[in-house]
Every structure is written in structure tokens, then in C-alpha cells.
Amino acid sequence: MEKRHIQFKSELQTRATENENEGVIEGYFVVYDQETELWPGTYEEVAPGAFDESLRAKDIICLDNHDARIVLGSLNSKSLELKSDSKGLWGTAIVDLEDPYGKSAYRKVQTGKVRGCSFGFYPIREERVEKEDGSFKWRIVEAELIEVSITAFPAYPQTDIAARQKDAAAIKKQKLEQRKAQLKEKMKRA
């Protein structure tokens, strides 16, 4: 299974700490029950509690724009705290301002240049929900959370939606075949 990302606009904030060499970036890195449009007629959302097991079982890191070279914090180092509540996954990253990349990321959020959040995950269990208007969405019920990121572009990278596009094409083809079968059956009865 491929790692996927969901990005969205967030209200990230910064604040100073008692240590002048540290700054805090905080906000919701995941918002539950918020549909993200992958492309017209196809959506994805995260169910509350989807990451509960990951939060108990593994180290999760905070990155700048999914770049593994720019680690802003981690659970294991206690420089990242993640808490799931009814709204979503709230994160607090304590950023090392002596690290030029950390300082740059902190300033981008502080000045409002970056307001997007993202998270990288492997889906474990998801549901497909068909809507009355013919569109559909995937609801992620359980997933392995790998990382959370600040990001300038709260939109899906093309590489991350390729698998979804194949799934959507297969669903559309299946619906078309079902419709053809229904029409053939009606013609036989007429």
C-alpha cells in the first residue's frame, strides 16, 4: 500500500517559549470529518480516532513540507506532542531556532506565509461512501500515521492521488456495467 498525504488549510500559530532558542508551532494537523476533494466528484475524509493506535505505538515526526531532512519535532524526542480530540489531531512542535531550517519553518508560519497542514499515512481500514449525486468518498477509519507537516500548498500532489484515480475509474466502470445490465434486463422484459 502506498503512503498517502492529505493537505488542508489550518490555523497554525507560533509562540515563544522561556528558552530563546526554541519556538512553538501548534494547531490542528488533522481535522476529522472534513471532506477533502481529490478531484471533482471524489472525496476523502478522516474519521475521529483513525490514528489512535499510531499515537500509542510509534514515533511520529513533524516535518517542513514532508521533507525528511527538515525534522521540526518528534514524539520520541518529546519535541512533538499530538492529542486527538473531537475536532481532530492537535499538535505542538517545539522547534529548535538554532537550526536554520527550523528557524525558517517557524518564521514562515509566524509571518503567515505558510498556513497549510498535511499528514502522511498508510491506510489500514477505510470505507467507500457513495453519495446521492453520484459522487463518492473514502472515509479513513484506521491508519498508520507516519508524519505531520507544515506545507505551503494545501493540495494533493499528483503522485498521491494516482492510486485513488485508478480506484475511481474502476468504480465508474463497475457502475456503467451495472447500468448496462439493468437496461438489458428491462429490454428483455419489454
Protein backbone atom coordinates (compact mmCIF):
# COMPACT_ATOMS: atom_id res chain seq x y z
CA MET A 1 0.00 0.00 0.00
CA GLU A 2 1.30 3.47 -0.90
CA LYS A 3 1.83 6.24 1.60
CA ARG A 4 -0.74 9.00 1.10
CA HIS A 5 -1.00 12.61 2.14
CA ILE A 6 -3.97 14.81 2.90
CA GLN A 7 -3.37 18.56 2.98
CA PHE A 8 -5.64 21.34 4.14
CA LYS A 9 -5.67 24.95 5.26
CA SER A 10 -5.21 25.31 9.01
CA GLU A 11 -4.91 27.99 11.64
CA LEU A 12 -1.34 27.23 12.68
CA GLN A 13 0.09 29.50 15.33
CA THR A 14 3.52 30.24 16.73
CA ARG A 15 4.55 31.29 20.21
CA ALA A 16 7.77 31.86 22.07
CA THR A 17 8.98 29.73 24.97
CA GLU A 18 11.08 30.57 28.02
CA ASN A 19 14.07 29.23 26.09
CA GLU A 20 15.02 31.85 23.49
CA ASN A 21 16.44 29.11 21.25
CA GLU A 22 13.04 27.45 20.86
CA GLY A 23 9.74 28.38 19.31
CA VAL A 24 6.41 26.57 19.18
CA ILE A 25 4.31 25.78 16.12
CA GLU A 26 0.88 24.47 17.02
CA GLY A 27 -2.51 23.82 15.53
CA TYR A 28 -4.68 21.08 14.07
CA PHE A 29 -2.63 18.88 11.76
CA VAL A 30 -5.71 16.74 11.03
CA VAL A 31 -9.35 17.80 11.12
CA TYR A 32 -11.80 14.91 11.41
CA ASP A 33 -14.92 14.59 9.26
CA GLN A 34 -13.67 17.26 6.85
CA GLU A 35 -14.04 16.26 3.22
CA THR A 36 -11.05 16.92 1.00
CA GLU A 37 -11.83 16.97 -2.71
CA LEU A 38 -9.30 14.87 -4.58
CA TRP A 39 -10.84 15.82 -7.93
CA PRO A 40 -14.42 16.62 -8.99
CA GLY A 41 -16.83 14.07 -7.54
CA THR A 42 -14.24 12.24 -5.44
CA TYR A 43 -13.55 12.99 -1.79
CA GLU A 44 -11.65 11.68 1.20
CA GLU A 45 -12.03 12.30 4.94
CA VAL A 46 -10.61 11.02 8.21
CA ALA A 47 -12.86 9.54 10.91
CA PRO A 48 -12.32 10.50 14.56
CA GLY A 49 -9.92 8.12 16.24
CA ALA A 50 -8.34 6.88 13.00
CA PHE A 51 -4.84 7.46 14.39
CA ASP A 52 -5.39 6.33 17.99
CA GLU A 53 -3.27 3.19 17.65
CA SER A 54 -0.42 5.09 15.95
CA LEU A 55 -0.34 7.64 18.75
CA ARG A 56 0.14 4.85 21.29
CA ALA A 57 2.53 2.65 19.34
CA LYS A 58 5.07 4.61 17.36
CA ASP A 59 7.27 7.64 16.90
CA ILE A 60 5.69 10.28 14.69
CA ILE A 61 7.65 13.23 13.34
CA CYS A 62 6.80 16.79 12.32
CA LEU A 63 8.35 17.92 9.05
CA ASP A 64 8.53 21.01 6.88
CA ASN A 65 6.66 20.15 3.67
CA HIS A 66 7.16 16.36 4.00
CA ASP A 67 10.93 16.82 3.73
CA ALA A 68 12.55 14.16 5.95
CA ARG A 69 15.71 16.30 6.05
CA ILE A 70 13.83 19.04 7.93
CA VAL A 71 12.57 17.46 11.13
CA LEU A 72 10.87 20.04 13.33
CA GLY A 73 9.97 17.66 16.16
CA SER A 74 9.23 14.08 17.14
CA LEU A 75 7.25 12.20 19.74
CA ASN A 76 10.28 10.20 20.90
CA SER A 77 12.38 13.32 21.49
CA LYS A 78 9.42 14.95 23.30
CA SER A 79 9.67 17.91 20.90
CA LEU A 80 6.28 16.99 19.42
CA GLU A 81 3.03 16.40 21.24
CA LEU A 82 -0.08 15.12 19.44
CA LYS A 83 -3.52 14.88 21.04
CA SER A 84 -6.69 13.61 19.43
CA ASP A 85 -9.94 15.33 20.41
CA SER A 86 -13.42 15.52 18.91
CA LYS A 87 -12.31 18.08 16.27
CA GLY A 88 -9.05 16.50 15.13
CA LEU A 89 -5.40 15.92 15.87
CA TRP A 90 -3.87 18.88 17.69
CA GLY A 91 -0.10 19.17 17.51
CA THR A 92 2.51 21.19 19.35
CA ALA A 93 6.04 21.15 17.91
CA ILE A 94 8.90 22.68 19.88
CA VAL A 95 11.20 23.95 17.13
CA ASP A 96 14.96 24.43 17.53
CA LEU A 97 15.53 28.04 16.41
CA GLU A 98 19.31 27.46 16.27
CA ASP A 99 18.67 25.10 13.36
CA PRO A 100 18.41 27.33 10.25
CA TYR A 101 15.73 25.06 8.73
CA GLY A 102 13.74 25.05 11.96
CA LYS A 103 14.01 28.82 12.26
CA SER A 104 12.92 29.23 8.63
CA ALA A 105 9.88 26.97 9.12
CA TYR A 106 8.95 28.80 12.32
CA ARG A 107 9.19 32.21 10.60
CA LYS A 108 7.10 31.04 7.62
CA VAL A 109 4.27 30.13 9.98
CA GLN A 110 4.80 33.20 12.19
CA THR A 111 4.55 35.59 9.23
CA GLY A 112 1.56 33.80 7.72
CA LYS A 113 3.40 32.63 4.61
CA VAL A 114 2.53 29.04 5.47
CA ARG A 115 -0.95 28.15 6.75
CA GLY A 116 -1.32 24.65 5.38
CA CYS A 117 -1.03 21.36 7.19
CA SER A 118 -0.58 17.88 5.92
CA PHE A 119 -0.02 14.39 7.21
CA GLY A 120 1.47 11.26 5.75
CA PHE A 121 -0.18 7.93 6.50
CA TYR A 122 -0.79 4.37 5.38
CA PRO A 123 -4.50 3.49 5.32
CA ILE A 124 -5.33 0.33 7.24
CA ARG A 125 -9.12 0.36 7.09
CA GLU A 126 -11.38 2.63 5.06
CA GLU A 127 -14.96 2.74 3.85
CA ARG A 128 -16.27 3.86 0.49
CA VAL A 129 -19.39 6.01 0.73
CA GLU A 130 -21.49 6.65 -2.37
CA LYS A 131 -23.48 9.88 -2.35
CA GLU A 132 -26.90 10.52 -3.87
CA ASP A 133 -25.41 12.84 -6.50
CA GLY A 134 -23.20 10.03 -7.85
CA SER A 135 -20.01 11.25 -6.23
CA PHE A 136 -18.25 9.22 -3.58
CA LYS A 137 -15.70 9.49 -0.83
CA TRP A 138 -13.28 7.32 1.05
CA ARG A 139 -13.59 7.57 4.82
CA ILE A 140 -10.36 6.59 6.57
CA VAL A 141 -11.37 4.68 9.69
CA GLU A 142 -7.94 3.44 10.75
CA ALA A 143 -4.49 4.45 9.53
CA GLU A 144 -0.85 4.34 10.48
CA LEU A 145 0.24 7.94 10.96
CA ILE A 146 3.86 8.49 9.89
CA GLU A 147 4.29 12.26 9.98
CA VAL A 148 2.61 15.64 10.19
CA SER A 149 3.89 18.61 8.17
CA ILE A 150 3.51 22.29 7.67
CA THR A 151 3.03 22.95 3.97
CA ALA A 152 2.60 25.95 1.70
CA PHE A 153 0.29 24.17 -0.74
CA PRO A 154 -2.73 22.54 0.90
CA ALA A 155 -3.49 20.40 -2.18
CA TYR A 156 -2.91 16.80 -3.18
CA PRO A 157 0.31 16.10 -5.06
CA GLN A 158 -0.42 14.15 -8.24
CA THR A 159 1.65 11.18 -7.12
CA ASP A 160 -0.51 10.70 -4.05
CA ILE A 161 -3.82 10.58 -5.89
CA ALA A 162 -2.79 8.25 -8.69
CA ALA A 163 -3.99 5.16 -6.81
CA ARG A 164 -7.27 6.88 -5.97
CA GLN A 165 -7.81 7.79 -9.63
CA LYS A 166 -7.43 4.14 -10.61
CA ASP A 167 -9.93 3.16 -7.90
CA ALA A 168 -12.38 5.81 -9.08
CA ALA A 169 -12.08 4.68 -12.70
CA ALA A 170 -12.79 1.09 -11.66
CA ILE A 171 -15.85 2.18 -9.68
CA LYS A 172 -17.20 4.20 -12.62
CA LYS A 173 -16.66 1.25 -14.95
CA GLN A 174 -18.44 -1.05 -12.49
CA LYS A 175 -21.40 1.36 -12.27
CA LEU A 176 -21.57 1.57 -16.07
CA GLU A 177 -21.59 -2.24 -16.37
CA GLN A 178 -24.35 -2.45 -13.75
CA ARG A 179 -26.40 0.14 -15.63
CA LYS A 180 -25.92 -1.75 -18.91
CA ALA A 181 -27.06 -4.99 -17.27
CA GLN A 182 -30.14 -3.25 -15.86
CA LEU A 183 -31.03 -1.83 -19.29
CA LYS A 184 -30.57 -5.23 -20.96
CA GLU A 185 -32.86 -6.81 -18.36
CA LYS A 186 -35.51 -4.14 -18.99
CA MET A 187 -35.28 -4.74 -22.73
CA LYS A 188 -35.78 -8.49 -22.25
CA ARG A 189 -38.97 -7.87 -20.24
CA ALA A 190 -40.39 -5.41 -22.76
